[in-house]
Amino acid sequence: MPITVQKYLGLTLLPHSGVSLVFTGIISSVLASSEPELATIVTGTIAAAAVINEIIAVIVSKKGLELAGEIKQQK
């Protein structure tokens, strides 16, 4: 693999938190019957973390693509 791919691929993969939201839905439905308060806490925490991740990850991903030379830096 080219060195730019080796160095910056991880940064460009950050904005993919949809999987965690699917797993959150599964765990919430499992916990809802036995621990409804815990299900609410888990859902809220993971959803908030996903929103924060999506904001930060987009910026970091763009920077990774710029560093790899895939997109030109904006002035």
N, C-alpha and C. Protein backbone atom coordinates (compact mmCIF):
# COMPACT_ATOMS: atom_id res chain seq x y z
N MET A 1 0.84 -1.18 0.00
CA MET A 1 0.00 0.00 0.00
C MET A 1 0.88 1.24 0.00
N PRO A 2 0.40 2.29 -0.63
CA PRO A 2 1.15 3.54 -0.58
C PRO A 2 1.27 4.04 0.87
N ILE A 3 2.34 4.75 1.15
CA ILE A 3 2.58 5.24 2.51
C ILE A 3 1.47 6.15 2.99
N THR A 4 0.88 6.95 2.07
CA THR A 4 -0.21 7.84 2.49
C THR A 4 -1.42 7.05 2.97
N VAL A 5 -1.69 5.93 2.34
CA VAL A 5 -2.80 5.08 2.78
C VAL A 5 -2.49 4.50 4.15
N GLN A 6 -1.28 4.05 4.34
CA GLN A 6 -0.88 3.46 5.62
C GLN A 6 -0.97 4.48 6.75
N LYS A 7 -0.61 5.72 6.47
CA LYS A 7 -0.56 6.73 7.52
C LYS A 7 -1.92 7.34 7.84
N TYR A 8 -2.79 7.53 6.85
CA TYR A 8 -3.97 8.34 7.07
C TYR A 8 -5.31 7.62 6.91
N LEU A 9 -5.30 6.35 6.61
CA LEU A 9 -6.55 5.62 6.42
C LEU A 9 -7.41 5.62 7.69
N GLY A 10 -6.79 5.46 8.83
CA GLY A 10 -7.54 5.43 10.09
C GLY A 10 -8.33 6.70 10.33
N LEU A 11 -7.72 7.85 10.01
CA LEU A 11 -8.41 9.12 10.21
C LEU A 11 -9.66 9.23 9.33
N THR A 12 -9.58 8.69 8.13
CA THR A 12 -10.71 8.82 7.21
C THR A 12 -11.85 7.85 7.54
N LEU A 13 -11.61 6.88 8.39
CA LEU A 13 -12.65 5.92 8.75
C LEU A 13 -13.41 6.30 10.02
N LEU A 14 -13.05 7.40 10.66
CA LEU A 14 -13.69 7.79 11.91
C LEU A 14 -15.19 8.07 11.82
N PRO A 15 -15.69 8.72 10.76
CA PRO A 15 -17.11 9.09 10.81
C PRO A 15 -18.08 7.95 10.50
N HIS A 16 -17.85 6.79 11.00
CA HIS A 16 -18.73 5.65 10.74
C HIS A 16 -19.26 5.10 12.06
N SER A 17 -20.14 5.85 12.69
CA SER A 17 -20.66 5.40 13.99
C SER A 17 -22.06 4.81 13.89
N GLY A 18 -22.55 4.60 12.68
CA GLY A 18 -23.88 4.03 12.51
C GLY A 18 -24.02 2.65 13.12
N VAL A 19 -22.97 1.88 13.09
CA VAL A 19 -23.01 0.53 13.66
C VAL A 19 -23.27 0.58 15.16
N SER A 20 -22.63 1.53 15.83
CA SER A 20 -22.85 1.64 17.28
C SER A 20 -24.30 1.99 17.59
N LEU A 21 -24.94 2.77 16.72
CA LEU A 21 -26.34 3.12 16.95
C LEU A 21 -27.25 1.90 16.77
N VAL A 22 -26.92 1.04 15.83
CA VAL A 22 -27.69 -0.20 15.65
C VAL A 22 -27.56 -1.09 16.87
N PHE A 23 -26.33 -1.24 17.36
CA PHE A 23 -26.11 -2.06 18.56
C PHE A 23 -26.79 -1.44 19.78
N THR A 24 -26.84 -0.12 19.83
CA THR A 24 -27.54 0.55 20.93
C THR A 24 -29.02 0.20 20.91
N GLY A 25 -29.61 0.19 19.72
CA GLY A 25 -31.02 -0.20 19.61
C GLY A 25 -31.26 -1.61 20.08
N ILE A 26 -30.34 -2.49 19.73
CA ILE A 26 -30.48 -3.90 20.15
C ILE A 26 -30.38 -4.02 21.67
N ILE A 27 -29.35 -3.40 22.25
CA ILE A 27 -29.16 -3.52 23.69
C ILE A 27 -30.29 -2.85 24.46
N SER A 28 -30.82 -1.75 23.92
CA SER A 28 -31.93 -1.06 24.58
C SER A 28 -33.18 -1.92 24.59
N SER A 29 -33.43 -2.60 23.49
CA SER A 29 -34.62 -3.46 23.44
C SER A 29 -34.47 -4.66 24.38
N VAL A 30 -33.25 -5.14 24.55
CA VAL A 30 -33.02 -6.26 25.47
C VAL A 30 -33.18 -5.80 26.92
N LEU A 31 -32.61 -4.61 27.22
CA LEU A 31 -32.67 -4.11 28.59
C LEU A 31 -34.03 -3.52 28.97
N ALA A 32 -34.82 -3.13 28.00
CA ALA A 32 -36.08 -2.44 28.28
C ALA A 32 -37.01 -3.23 29.19
N SER A 33 -37.03 -4.52 29.04
CA SER A 33 -37.95 -5.32 29.86
C SER A 33 -37.46 -5.49 31.30
N SER A 34 -36.16 -5.62 31.50
CA SER A 34 -35.66 -5.88 32.85
C SER A 34 -35.13 -4.63 33.55
N GLU A 35 -34.48 -3.74 32.81
CA GLU A 35 -33.88 -2.53 33.39
C GLU A 35 -34.19 -1.32 32.52
N PRO A 36 -35.41 -0.80 32.57
CA PRO A 36 -35.76 0.31 31.68
C PRO A 36 -34.94 1.58 31.91
N GLU A 37 -34.58 1.87 33.17
CA GLU A 37 -33.77 3.05 33.45
C GLU A 37 -32.37 2.91 32.83
N LEU A 38 -31.80 1.74 32.95
CA LEU A 38 -30.48 1.48 32.37
C LEU A 38 -30.54 1.58 30.85
N ALA A 39 -31.60 1.09 30.26
CA ALA A 39 -31.77 1.18 28.80
C ALA A 39 -31.80 2.64 28.36
N THR A 40 -32.47 3.49 29.11
CA THR A 40 -32.53 4.92 28.78
C THR A 40 -31.16 5.56 28.90
N ILE A 41 -30.42 5.22 29.94
CA ILE A 41 -29.08 5.78 30.14
C ILE A 41 -28.15 5.35 29.02
N VAL A 42 -28.18 4.07 28.67
CA VAL A 42 -27.32 3.56 27.61
C VAL A 42 -27.66 4.23 26.28
N THR A 43 -28.94 4.33 25.98
CA THR A 43 -29.36 4.95 24.71
C THR A 43 -28.91 6.40 24.64
N GLY A 44 -29.15 7.14 25.69
CA GLY A 44 -28.76 8.55 25.71
C GLY A 44 -27.26 8.76 25.61
N THR A 45 -26.51 7.94 26.32
CA THR A 45 -25.05 8.07 26.32
C THR A 45 -24.47 7.75 24.95
N ILE A 46 -24.89 6.67 24.36
CA ILE A 46 -24.35 6.27 23.05
C ILE A 46 -24.79 7.25 21.97
N ALA A 47 -26.02 7.72 22.03
CA ALA A 47 -26.50 8.68 21.03
C ALA A 47 -25.71 9.99 21.14
N ALA A 48 -25.47 10.46 22.35
CA ALA A 48 -24.69 11.69 22.53
C ALA A 48 -23.26 11.50 22.05
N ALA A 49 -22.67 10.37 22.36
CA ALA A 49 -21.30 10.09 21.90
C ALA A 49 -21.24 10.02 20.38
N ALA A 50 -22.26 9.46 19.76
CA ALA A 50 -22.29 9.37 18.30
C ALA A 50 -22.39 10.75 17.67
N VAL A 51 -23.18 11.62 18.25
CA VAL A 51 -23.31 12.99 17.72
C VAL A 51 -21.98 13.73 17.84
N ILE A 52 -21.35 13.64 19.00
CA ILE A 52 -20.05 14.28 19.20
C ILE A 52 -19.02 13.70 18.24
N ASN A 53 -19.02 12.38 18.09
CA ASN A 53 -18.09 11.73 17.18
C ASN A 53 -18.30 12.19 15.74
N GLU A 54 -19.55 12.32 15.33
CA GLU A 54 -19.83 12.73 13.96
C GLU A 54 -19.36 14.15 13.69
N ILE A 55 -19.42 15.01 14.67
CA ILE A 55 -18.94 16.38 14.50
C ILE A 55 -17.42 16.41 14.41
N ILE A 56 -16.76 15.77 15.35
CA ILE A 56 -15.29 15.78 15.39
C ILE A 56 -14.71 14.94 14.26
N ALA A 57 -15.30 13.80 13.98
CA ALA A 57 -14.74 12.87 13.00
C ALA A 57 -14.74 13.44 11.59
N VAL A 58 -15.73 14.24 11.25
CA VAL A 58 -15.78 14.82 9.92
C VAL A 58 -14.60 15.76 9.71
N ILE A 59 -14.30 16.55 10.71
CA ILE A 59 -13.17 17.48 10.64
C ILE A 59 -11.85 16.70 10.55
N VAL A 60 -11.69 15.69 11.38
CA VAL A 60 -10.46 14.89 11.39
C VAL A 60 -10.32 14.12 10.08
N SER A 61 -11.42 13.59 9.56
CA SER A 61 -11.39 12.86 8.30
C SER A 61 -10.96 13.76 7.15
N LYS A 62 -11.49 14.97 7.13
CA LYS A 62 -11.10 15.92 6.09
C LYS A 62 -9.61 16.22 6.18
N LYS A 63 -9.12 16.42 7.38
CA LYS A 63 -7.69 16.70 7.57
C LYS A 63 -6.85 15.51 7.11
N GLY A 64 -7.29 14.29 7.40
CA GLY A 64 -6.58 13.10 6.95
C GLY A 64 -6.50 13.02 5.43
N LEU A 65 -7.60 13.36 4.76
CA LEU A 65 -7.60 13.35 3.30
C LEU A 65 -6.69 14.44 2.74
N GLU A 66 -6.65 15.59 3.40
CA GLU A 66 -5.74 16.65 2.97
C GLU A 66 -4.28 16.21 3.15
N LEU A 67 -3.96 15.62 4.30
CA LEU A 67 -2.60 15.17 4.56
C LEU A 67 -2.16 14.08 3.58
N ALA A 68 -3.11 13.25 3.17
CA ALA A 68 -2.80 12.18 2.22
C ALA A 68 -2.66 12.70 0.80
N GLY A 69 -3.02 13.97 0.58
CA GLY A 69 -2.93 14.54 -0.74
C GLY A 69 -4.10 14.19 -1.65
N GLU A 70 -5.17 13.71 -1.08
CA GLU A 70 -6.34 13.33 -1.87
C GLU A 70 -7.22 14.52 -2.21
N ILE A 71 -7.22 15.53 -1.35
CA ILE A 71 -7.94 16.76 -1.63
C ILE A 71 -7.00 17.93 -1.35
N LYS A 72 -7.23 19.01 -2.04
CA LYS A 72 -6.39 20.18 -1.87
C LYS A 72 -6.87 20.96 -0.63
N GLN A 73 -5.91 21.53 0.07
CA GLN A 73 -6.25 22.35 1.23
C GLN A 73 -6.92 23.63 0.77
N GLN A 74 -7.95 24.00 1.52
CA GLN A 74 -8.64 25.25 1.20
C GLN A 74 -7.94 26.39 1.93
N LYS A 75 -7.88 27.54 1.27
CA LYS A 75 -7.19 28.68 1.87
C LYS A 75 -8.16 29.64 2.49
